[in-house]
Protein backbone atom coordinates (compact mmCIF):
# COMPACT_ATOMS: atom_id res chain seq x y z
CA MET A 1 -54.57 -0.57 21.35
CA LYS A 2 -53.66 -3.96 20.61
CA ALA A 3 -50.32 -4.67 19.71
CA LEU A 4 -49.70 -6.49 16.22
CA LEU A 5 -47.47 -9.58 16.33
CA PHE A 6 -45.31 -11.20 13.59
CA PHE A 7 -42.42 -13.56 13.29
CA ALA A 8 -39.04 -13.42 11.66
CA PHE A 9 -37.13 -16.72 11.48
CA ALA A 10 -33.35 -17.02 12.09
CA ILE A 11 -30.76 -19.91 11.40
CA VAL A 12 -29.19 -21.23 14.21
CA HIS A 13 -26.68 -23.79 13.73
CA ILE A 14 -26.45 -26.27 17.05
CA SER A 15 -23.81 -28.69 17.63
CA HIS A 16 -24.94 -31.01 20.51
CA SER A 17 -21.90 -32.26 22.53
CA THR A 18 -24.39 -35.98 23.22
CA ALA A 19 -24.83 -36.69 19.37
CA GLY A 20 -21.61 -35.37 18.04
CA LYS A 21 -24.05 -33.89 15.17
CA SER A 22 -24.95 -30.36 13.77
CA TYR A 23 -27.89 -29.69 12.55
CA PHE A 24 -30.15 -26.13 11.72
CA GLY A 25 -33.34 -24.57 13.96
CA THR A 26 -35.02 -21.63 14.06
CA TYR A 27 -35.97 -19.15 16.64
CA ASP A 28 -38.34 -16.29 16.68
CA GLN A 29 -38.31 -12.94 16.65
CA VAL A 30 -41.93 -10.95 17.76
CA SER A 31 -42.59 -7.24 17.98
CA SER A 32 -45.20 -4.89 19.64
CA GLY A 33 -46.48 -1.99 19.14
CA PHE A 34 -43.94 -0.98 22.06
CA GLY A 35 -40.89 -2.50 20.98
CA HIS A 36 -39.00 -5.62 19.23
CA HIS A 37 -37.74 -8.67 21.48
CA PHE A 38 -36.20 -11.78 20.92
CA VAL A 39 -37.92 -15.05 22.34
CA GLY A 40 -38.08 -18.37 21.99
CA PHE A 41 -34.38 -19.02 22.77
CA GLU A 42 -36.45 -21.63 26.16
CA GLY A 43 -35.51 -24.45 23.39
CA TYR A 44 -31.92 -23.92 23.35
CA THR A 45 -31.57 -23.52 26.85
CA ASP A 46 -28.33 -25.83 28.06
CA LYS A 47 -27.64 -26.41 24.45
CA ILE A 48 -23.91 -26.39 23.21
CA VAL A 49 -24.23 -24.30 20.42
CA ASP A 50 -21.66 -23.71 17.82
CA SER A 51 -22.69 -20.36 16.06
CA LEU A 52 -25.94 -18.31 16.11
CA ASP A 53 -26.32 -15.78 13.02
CA TYR A 54 -29.00 -13.54 12.41
CA PHE A 55 -29.74 -11.01 10.05
CA CYS A 56 -32.46 -8.36 10.98
CA ARG A 57 -32.98 -6.41 8.44
CA SER A 58 -35.91 -3.96 8.99
CA ASP A 59 -37.01 -6.03 11.80
CA ALA A 60 -35.41 -3.89 14.85
CA VAL A 61 -34.25 -5.38 18.20
CA TYR A 62 -34.21 -2.65 20.90
CA ARG A 63 -33.31 -5.57 23.85
CA LEU A 64 -31.59 -8.31 24.27
CA GLU A 65 -32.43 -11.18 27.01
CA LYS A 66 -30.33 -13.13 28.51
CA LEU A 67 -28.58 -16.41 26.14
CA PRO A 68 -29.53 -19.35 27.74
CA MET A 69 -26.98 -21.67 25.79
CA LYS A 70 -24.83 -23.75 28.05
CA LEU A 71 -22.01 -22.99 25.17
CA LEU A 72 -21.99 -20.30 22.44
CA ARG A 73 -18.97 -19.88 20.71
CA VAL A 74 -20.02 -17.75 17.92
CA LEU A 75 -22.34 -14.79 17.44
CA SER A 76 -23.82 -12.76 14.85
CA LEU A 77 -26.91 -10.61 15.27
CA THR A 78 -26.54 -7.39 12.38
CA SER A 79 -28.46 -5.07 11.62
CA CYS A 80 -30.84 -5.13 14.15
CA GLY A 81 -30.45 -1.91 16.04
CA ILE A 82 -30.17 -3.20 19.38
CA THR A 83 -30.19 -0.36 21.95
CA GLU A 84 -30.20 -2.69 24.92
CA LEU A 85 -28.60 -5.32 26.59
CA ALA A 86 -30.01 -7.19 29.58
CA ASP A 87 -27.49 -7.39 32.47
CA ASP A 88 -27.24 -11.15 32.44
CA ALA A 89 -27.40 -11.13 28.75
CA PHE A 90 -23.90 -13.02 28.21
CA GLU A 91 -23.61 -14.34 31.62
CA LYS A 92 -23.75 -18.12 31.03
CA VAL A 93 -21.85 -17.82 27.55
CA ALA A 94 -19.35 -15.65 28.60
CA ASP A 95 -16.39 -18.14 28.98
CA SER A 96 -17.08 -19.86 25.89
CA LEU A 97 -18.09 -16.85 23.42
CA GLU A 98 -15.05 -16.30 20.89
CA GLU A 99 -16.53 -13.95 18.09
CA LEU A 100 -19.14 -11.41 19.04
CA ASN A 101 -20.42 -9.54 15.89
CA LEU A 102 -23.24 -6.50 16.93
CA SER A 103 -23.12 -4.28 14.12
CA GLY A 104 -25.69 -2.35 13.10
CA SER A 105 -26.32 -2.34 17.45
CA MET A 106 -27.08 1.37 19.09
CA ILE A 107 -25.87 -0.34 22.64
CA ARG A 108 -25.34 2.72 25.11
CA GLU A 109 -23.80 0.67 27.82
CA PHE A 110 -21.62 -2.03 26.74
CA PRO A 111 -21.03 -5.25 28.95
CA ASP A 112 -17.31 -5.85 30.62
CA LEU A 113 -15.35 -7.32 28.08
CA SER A 114 -12.70 -8.68 30.64
CA LYS A 115 -15.49 -10.81 31.66
CA PHE A 116 -15.60 -12.65 27.91
CA THR A 117 -12.33 -14.68 28.96
CA LYS A 118 -12.12 -16.21 25.63
CA LEU A 119 -13.46 -13.39 22.99
CA THR A 120 -10.74 -12.41 20.08
CA LYS A 121 -12.97 -11.20 17.48
CA LEU A 122 -15.70 -7.94 18.13
CA VAL A 123 -17.22 -6.94 14.95
CA LEU A 124 -18.82 -3.26 15.62
CA ASN A 125 -19.18 -2.23 12.21
CA HIS A 126 -22.34 0.35 11.63
CA TYR A 127 -22.96 0.71 14.61
CA LEU A 128 -23.32 4.35 17.09
CA ILE A 129 -20.47 3.72 18.95
CA GLY A 130 -20.64 6.90 21.38
CA ASP A 131 -18.49 6.85 24.13
CA PHE A 132 -17.70 3.03 23.73
CA LEU A 133 -13.60 3.26 23.66
CA ASP A 134 -13.22 5.69 26.67
CA GLU A 135 -15.45 3.61 28.32
CA MET A 136 -13.22 0.42 27.67
CA SER A 137 -9.99 2.55 28.37
CA ARG A 138 -11.54 3.82 31.96
CA ARG A 139 -11.45 -0.33 33.09
CA ASN A 140 -8.62 -1.31 34.91
CA GLU A 141 -8.83 -4.95 33.41
CA SER A 142 -6.78 -5.68 29.86
CA ILE A 143 -9.13 -6.89 27.01
CA GLY A 144 -7.71 -9.77 25.36
CA ILE A 145 -9.70 -9.18 21.69
CA LYS A 146 -7.14 -9.47 18.46
CA HIS A 147 -9.73 -8.62 15.99
CA LEU A 148 -11.87 -5.44 16.49
CA GLU A 149 -14.00 -4.37 13.61
CA LEU A 150 -15.37 -0.78 13.90
CA ALA A 151 -15.86 0.44 10.06
CA ASN A 152 -18.80 3.46 9.91
CA THR A 153 -18.88 4.09 13.84
CA GLY A 154 -18.64 7.81 13.39
CA LEU A 155 -15.26 7.66 15.33
CA THR A 156 -13.97 10.74 15.62
CA GLU A 157 -10.74 11.06 17.46
CA LEU A 158 -8.35 8.30 18.88
CA THR A 159 -5.87 9.03 21.15
CA LYS A 160 -3.21 6.95 23.54
CA SER A 161 -5.85 5.73 25.65
CA SER A 162 -8.55 4.84 23.11
CA PHE A 163 -6.77 1.28 23.17
CA SER A 164 -4.91 0.77 26.34
CA ARG A 165 -6.69 -2.09 27.09
CA PHE A 166 -6.31 -3.64 23.98
CA LYS A 167 -3.22 -5.08 24.54
CA ASN A 168 -3.66 -8.28 22.19
CA LEU A 169 -4.98 -6.63 19.48
CA LYS A 170 -3.32 -7.87 16.16
CA THR A 171 -6.63 -6.64 13.77
CA LEU A 172 -8.04 -3.28 13.37
CA ASP A 173 -10.52 -1.72 11.25
CA ILE A 174 -10.97 1.85 11.46
CA SER A 175 -12.24 2.37 8.15
CA TYR A 176 -15.28 4.49 6.60
CA ASN A 177 -14.75 7.18 9.42
CA PRO A 178 -13.77 10.46 7.37
CA ASN A 179 -14.24 12.46 10.17
CA LEU A 180 -11.50 10.59 12.16
CA ARG A 181 -8.40 12.06 13.93
CA ILE A 182 -6.02 9.86 14.67
CA ALA A 183 -3.43 10.98 17.53
CA PRO A 184 0.39 10.20 16.78
CA ASP A 185 0.54 7.85 19.31
CA ALA A 186 -2.54 6.02 19.20
CA PHE A 187 -1.38 3.04 18.40
CA SER A 188 1.10 3.12 20.37
CA SER A 189 0.83 0.40 22.95
CA LEU A 190 0.10 -2.03 20.54
CA ASN A 191 1.60 -4.51 18.63
CA LEU A 192 -0.98 -3.99 15.12
CA GLU A 193 -0.45 -6.25 12.43
CA ASN A 194 -3.19 -5.52 10.30
CA LEU A 195 -4.92 -1.84 9.92
CA ASN A 196 -7.38 -0.75 7.50
CA MET A 197 -7.56 2.56 7.31
CA ASN A 198 -10.26 2.32 4.11
CA ALA A 199 -11.94 5.82 3.00
CA ASN A 200 -11.30 7.48 6.13
CA GLY A 201 -10.81 11.09 4.25
CA LEU A 202 -7.23 11.06 4.33
CA THR A 203 -5.36 13.59 2.21
CA THR A 204 -1.60 12.99 3.57
CA LEU A 205 -0.18 9.82 5.16
CA PRO A 206 -0.49 9.88 8.67
CA LEU A 207 3.71 9.41 9.25
CA GLU A 208 3.56 9.93 12.51
CA VAL A 209 1.06 7.44 13.06
CA PHE A 210 2.66 4.93 11.09
CA ASN A 211 6.06 5.32 12.68
CA SER A 212 4.13 3.65 16.24
CA ILE A 213 3.59 0.39 14.60
CA PRO A 214 6.35 -1.11 13.08
CA THR A 215 5.28 -4.35 13.48
CA LEU A 216 2.66 -3.65 10.64
CA THR A 217 2.41 -6.50 8.01
CA THR A 218 -1.19 -5.61 6.16
CA LEU A 219 -1.37 -2.27 5.64
CA SER A 220 -5.28 -0.80 3.56
CA LEU A 221 -5.70 3.24 2.83
CA ASN A 222 -7.80 2.36 0.00
CA GLY A 223 -10.25 5.12 -1.09
CA ASN A 224 -8.64 8.07 0.46
CA LYS A 225 -7.99 11.43 -1.57
CA PHE A 226 -4.43 11.08 -1.67
CA VAL A 227 -3.12 13.04 -4.63
CA LYS A 228 0.64 12.17 -4.22
CA LEU A 229 2.89 9.90 -1.39
CA PRO A 230 5.88 11.44 -0.05
CA GLN A 231 9.18 10.25 0.09
CA ASN A 232 9.89 7.61 1.98
CA GLY A 233 6.69 8.16 3.56
CA PHE A 234 6.51 4.08 4.46
CA GLU A 235 10.11 3.45 5.80
CA SER A 236 8.95 2.91 9.21
CA LEU A 237 7.12 -0.28 8.07
CA PRO A 238 9.82 -2.62 7.62
CA ASN A 239 7.83 -5.36 8.21
CA LEU A 240 5.18 -4.77 5.72
CA THR A 241 4.11 -7.01 3.32
CA PHE A 242 0.49 -5.74 1.62
CA LEU A 243 0.02 -2.49 1.03
CA SER A 244 -3.11 -1.38 -1.02
CA LEU A 245 -3.93 2.18 -2.35
CA LYS A 246 -6.33 1.59 -4.94
CA PHE A 247 -9.15 4.11 -5.28
CA ASN A 248 -7.31 6.78 -4.55
CA ARG A 249 -6.24 9.99 -6.62
CA LEU A 250 -2.57 9.61 -6.99
CA GLU A 251 -0.66 11.47 -10.18
CA ASN A 252 2.46 10.21 -10.02
CA LEU A 253 5.05 8.86 -7.56
CA SER A 254 8.18 9.74 -6.68
CA ILE A 255 11.32 7.46 -7.09
CA ASP A 256 11.65 7.03 -2.83
CA ALA A 257 7.44 6.71 -2.51
CA PHE A 258 8.06 2.98 -1.22
CA ASN A 259 12.15 3.23 0.47
CA GLY A 260 11.76 0.65 3.48
CA LEU A 261 9.27 -1.56 2.12
CA ASN A 262 12.14 -4.36 2.12
CA SER A 263 9.57 -7.52 2.80
CA LEU A 264 6.65 -5.92 0.96
CA LYS A 265 5.05 -8.85 -1.72
CA HIS A 266 1.51 -7.20 -2.92
CA LEU A 267 0.95 -3.18 -4.06
CA ASP A 268 -1.95 -2.76 -5.20
CA LEU A 269 -2.34 1.05 -6.96
CA SER A 270 -4.81 0.47 -9.28
CA HIS A 271 -7.99 2.66 -9.82
CA ASN A 272 -5.70 6.05 -9.70
CA ARG A 273 -4.70 8.55 -12.15
CA PHE A 274 -1.06 7.63 -12.86
CA THR A 275 -0.16 8.77 -16.50
CA ASP A 276 3.43 7.52 -16.45
CA LEU A 277 5.58 5.98 -13.77
CA GLN A 278 9.28 6.57 -13.33
CA PRO A 279 11.78 3.72 -14.02
CA GLY A 280 13.59 2.72 -10.80
CA ILE A 281 10.21 3.63 -8.44
CA PHE A 282 9.99 -0.10 -7.65
CA ASP A 283 13.30 -1.52 -7.62
CA ASN A 284 13.36 -1.34 -3.83
CA LEU A 285 11.30 -3.56 -3.61
CA THR A 286 13.05 -6.78 -4.01
CA ARG A 287 10.48 -9.49 -2.71
CA LEU A 288 7.81 -7.82 -4.44
CA GLU A 289 5.40 -10.52 -6.18
CA THR A 290 2.21 -8.65 -7.25
CA LEU A 291 1.48 -5.36 -8.40
CA ASP A 292 -1.63 -3.91 -9.60
CA LEU A 293 -1.33 -0.70 -12.12
CA SER A 294 -4.92 -1.79 -13.68
CA HIS A 295 -7.61 1.20 -14.26
CA ASN A 296 -5.63 4.16 -14.47
CA ALA A 297 -3.82 6.22 -17.28
CA LEU A 298 -0.80 4.87 -17.90
CA THR A 299 0.18 5.58 -21.80
CA LYS A 300 3.67 3.75 -22.03
CA ILE A 301 5.80 1.56 -19.83
CA GLN A 302 9.53 2.90 -20.04
CA THR A 303 12.70 0.31 -20.54
CA LYS A 304 13.22 -0.85 -17.22
CA SER A 305 10.30 0.03 -15.26
CA PHE A 306 10.30 -3.32 -12.78
CA SER A 307 13.69 -4.61 -13.72
CA GLN A 308 14.94 -5.23 -10.51
CA ILE A 309 12.64 -7.57 -8.75
CA ASN A 310 13.11 -11.92 -9.08
CA ASN A 311 10.00 -13.09 -7.60
CA TRP A 312 7.28 -11.45 -9.90
CA SER A 313 4.09 -13.78 -9.76
CA ARG A 314 1.26 -11.29 -11.37
CA ILE A 315 1.52 -7.86 -13.18
CA LEU A 316 -1.42 -6.27 -14.25
CA LEU A 317 -1.49 -3.67 -16.28
CA ASN A 318 -4.91 -3.91 -17.97
CA ASN A 319 -7.24 -1.11 -18.30
CA ASN A 320 -5.05 1.19 -18.76
CA GLN A 321 -4.55 3.92 -22.37
CA ILE A 322 -1.33 1.77 -22.84
CA ASP A 323 0.12 2.37 -26.58
CA GLU A 324 4.00 1.73 -26.26
CA ILE A 325 5.82 -0.53 -24.51
CA SER A 326 9.74 0.10 -24.71
CA GLN A 327 12.50 -2.48 -25.50
CA ASN A 328 13.45 -3.86 -21.89
CA ALA A 329 10.90 -2.80 -19.88
CA LEU A 330 9.01 -5.84 -18.70
CA PRO A 331 10.73 -8.11 -17.02
CA PRO A 332 12.06 -11.39 -18.18
CA LEU A 333 9.28 -13.74 -19.18
CA GLU A 334 10.99 -16.26 -17.07
CA LYS A 335 10.78 -14.21 -14.29
CA VAL A 336 7.19 -14.07 -13.66
CA LYS A 337 5.25 -17.30 -12.67
CA THR A 338 1.66 -16.80 -13.21
CA LEU A 339 0.11 -13.83 -15.38
CA ILE A 340 1.15 -10.19 -17.26
CA ASN A 341 -2.15 -8.54 -17.82
CA LEU A 342 -2.19 -6.36 -20.89
CA GLY A 343 -5.72 -6.45 -22.01
CA SER A 344 -7.90 -3.72 -22.10
CA ASN A 345 -5.32 -0.95 -23.85
CA LYS A 346 -4.17 0.23 -27.39
CA LEU A 347 -1.57 -1.61 -27.81
CA THR A 348 -0.88 -2.53 -31.42
CA THR A 349 1.97 -5.20 -31.22
CA LEU A 350 3.84 -6.93 -28.69
CA ALA A 351 7.52 -7.56 -29.21
CA ILE A 352 9.75 -9.67 -27.75
CA ASP A 353 12.45 -7.38 -27.14
CA SER A 354 9.91 -5.66 -24.62
CA PHE A 355 11.26 -8.20 -21.90
CA LEU A 356 14.66 -8.11 -20.14
CA PRO A 357 16.32 -11.12 -21.52
CA LEU A 358 17.49 -13.48 -18.93
CA GLU A 359 21.17 -12.96 -17.65
CA ASN A 360 21.96 -16.54 -17.80
CA SER A 361 22.07 -17.44 -21.49
CA THR A 362 23.10 -21.00 -20.74
CA GLU A 363 18.65 -21.62 -18.72
CA VAL A 364 16.29 -22.86 -21.68
CA ARG A 365 13.08 -22.06 -21.62
CA ARG A 366 10.71 -24.43 -20.35
CA TYR A 367 7.68 -26.72 -22.96
CA ASN A 368 4.37 -25.62 -22.64
CA GLY A 369 1.83 -26.50 -20.36
CA GLU A 370 4.85 -26.72 -17.06
CA ASP A 371 2.18 -24.24 -15.41
CA ASP A 372 -0.55 -21.77 -15.16
CA PHE A 373 1.63 -18.58 -16.88
CA LYS A 374 -0.59 -16.74 -19.48
CA ILE A 375 0.02 -13.16 -20.84
CA ILE A 376 -3.41 -11.24 -21.52
CA LEU A 377 -3.96 -9.38 -24.55
CA SER A 378 -7.70 -9.23 -25.46
CA GLY A 379 -8.86 -6.05 -25.85
CA ASN A 380 -6.22 -4.31 -27.85
CA GLN A 381 -5.93 -3.07 -30.91
CA LEU A 382 -3.79 -5.55 -32.78
CA ILE A 383 -1.94 -5.29 -35.90
CA CYS A 384 -1.51 -8.88 -36.72
CA ASN A 385 2.21 -9.73 -38.44
CA LYS A 386 5.36 -11.14 -38.24
CA LYS A 387 6.00 -9.11 -35.54
CA LEU A 388 3.79 -11.43 -33.28
CA ALA A 389 4.51 -14.77 -34.52
CA TRP A 390 6.84 -14.93 -31.26
CA LEU A 391 3.41 -15.32 -29.39
CA VAL A 392 1.54 -17.78 -32.30
CA LYS A 393 4.90 -20.00 -32.01
CA SER A 394 4.73 -20.10 -28.66
CA TYR A 395 1.30 -20.80 -28.18
CA GLN A 396 1.24 -24.61 -29.43
CA PRO A 397 -0.12 -27.15 -26.87
CA ARG A 398 2.37 -29.52 -24.78
CA PRO A 399 1.09 -32.90 -26.39
CA ASP A 400 -0.17 -35.64 -24.15
CA PRO A 401 2.88 -36.60 -22.10
CA HIS A 402 1.46 -39.70 -21.55
CA GLN A 403 1.33 -40.16 -25.26
CA PRO A 404 4.38 -37.91 -26.39
CA ASP A 405 4.86 -37.38 -29.79
CA GLU A 406 8.58 -36.90 -31.61
CA ASN A 407 9.11 -33.27 -31.48
CA PHE A 408 8.06 -33.77 -27.66
CA LEU A 409 10.41 -36.44 -27.25
CA SER A 410 13.32 -34.78 -28.72
CA LEU A 411 12.73 -31.79 -26.98
CA MET A 412 12.91 -33.46 -23.39
CA THR A 413 16.08 -35.40 -24.28
CA SER A 414 18.11 -32.03 -25.57
CA LEU A 415 17.38 -30.37 -22.14
CA LYS A 416 18.24 -33.24 -19.93
CA GLY A 417 20.34 -32.08 -17.33
CA LYS A 418 20.06 -28.31 -17.72
CA LYS A 419 18.25 -26.10 -15.78
CA TYR A 420 14.09 -25.37 -16.78
CA VAL A 421 12.57 -22.67 -16.45
CA ARG A 422 9.36 -20.91 -19.07
CA MET A 423 9.22 -21.22 -23.17
CA LEU A 424 7.89 -18.49 -24.19
CA PRO A 425 4.27 -18.24 -22.83
CA PRO A 426 0.79 -19.21 -24.00
CA ILE A 427 -1.46 -16.09 -24.65
CA ASP A 428 -5.13 -15.93 -24.31
CA ASP A 429 -7.39 -15.07 -26.94
CA PRO A 430 -7.22 -11.52 -28.86
CA THR A 431 -8.38 -10.67 -32.37
CA CYS A 432 -7.09 -8.83 -34.80
CA THR A 433 -7.82 -5.39 -36.32
CA ALA A 434 -5.84 -5.56 -38.72
CA PRO A 435 -4.44 -5.88 -41.62
CA GLU A 436 -7.74 -6.12 -43.74
CA VAL A 437 -7.06 -10.08 -44.37
CA TYR A 438 -6.34 -11.07 -40.57
CA ALA A 439 -9.14 -9.06 -39.15
CA ASP A 440 -11.55 -10.60 -36.46
CA ASN A 441 -9.50 -13.93 -36.66
CA LYS A 442 -8.02 -14.72 -33.43
CA LEU A 443 -4.77 -14.34 -33.07
CA VAL A 444 -3.55 -18.32 -32.43
CA GLU A 445 -5.16 -19.25 -35.62
CA ILE A 446 -3.21 -16.90 -37.71
CA GLN A 447 -0.21 -19.31 -39.35
CA PHE A 448 2.77 -16.50 -40.17
CA GLU A 449 4.98 -17.37 -43.20
C-alpha cells in the first residue's frame, strides 16, 4: 500500500553562538501508514538551540530520534503521543538540557535521568506514566530535578520509595489523579516547598502526609471534596505562605482550622459553600495579606471577623449573598492596602461604622490619590441616602499636584509633621436602585444635602 505523506510544522527558537542573535526556523514532521517520526533535524546539526517547543495536536509522533543539536536548553514536545525514544535520543544534549516537557506521551522506557546533569524541570502531565517512579527508584544515582509535574498521569500510589532518588525536589504537581493513595511517609525524604494536590478526589486532609513536609511554603488543594476541615489540620506547616482550597464543598470552619499557620500570607477559600463565618477564625493568621471568600453563600459579616490582622492587601467578599455587615465587622480602612471587594451581593448600604476605627486617634487619613486602594460595591442594591454620603464625600479626586488648589495646599499644611495614612477611600462606579429619585444614577455623582 502506498504510504500517504503529509507535513506539519513546528516553531523552533534557535540561538546561534556565532552571531549572538536569535531567529525562528521550522522542522518537518512526516507521517506514513506505518507510523510517525521526526525528520528534518539535519539542518540543526551541531547548532546551539535555546528552546524547541512543539505541540502536536492530533499528529502522533511514535518515536523520537536522536536530537542533533550541539546544545539544547529547553525541549517541549507536548501532546505527541510518543511511545518510544531512540537509545541515543538525548545523547548530544544530556549535558545542556535544563527543562524537558513530554506531556501527553506514552513512553514505556524512560532514559536514565541521572545522565541529564543540568536538568532541573521535568513535565510529564497527561502522560501514561506506568512504572516510571518505580523504575526511577530502583536506580542508584540521585536525580537532580527540582521541579516535577505529574498531573493527570493515572498515578494510583505513592510510597516512601517513589521519590527516594529525587533528593533536590522542591516543586511537585500530582494533581488530577483521583485514585491516588499517598503513604504517610511518601515525601519524608524530600524538602518540598511547593505541592499541588488539586482534584485528587480527597475528602479529608492527609494530615500524616503534611507532618513529613514542614518545609512546605505553597499548598494547593483546589477541586477536591472537602466538606469540613479538622481542628489544627495545618499546624505541622509553619512555613506555609500560600494555601488554596477553592472549588471544594466547605460549609463551615472550626475556630482552630488554621492554627499554626504563622507565616500564611494568601488564603483562597472561594467557590465553596460557606453561609456564615465565626468571628476569630482568622485571628491567628497575623501575617495574612490576601483573603478570598468570593463565590460562596455568605449572608452576613459579623463583628470583628477580621480584627486581628494588620497587613491586609486584599479582602474579596464579592459574589456572595451578603445583605448585612455588622458594626466593626471589617478592618480599619487604613489597614487595607489595595482592595475590599463587596461587589455582587445584596447590600443596600455600607455604613462607616462597619469598619473598625483606628486604635491611634492621632493618625490622620491620607488624601485621595496617594495609592490604588478601592472599595468595590457594584452589583448591589444600594439605597442612596445620607448613610452613604461618607463614600461620596471621600470620592473627590485629587487635584493635579503640579497645580494644587487652595484646599489641597491647606490640607497638606495641616498634615505637616503628622503620620500619613489613608483618607476615606474611593469606590468603583456603583448605581443606586432606590429611592426613585436616584434610581439608576451613579452614587459618586449624587450631591447629598
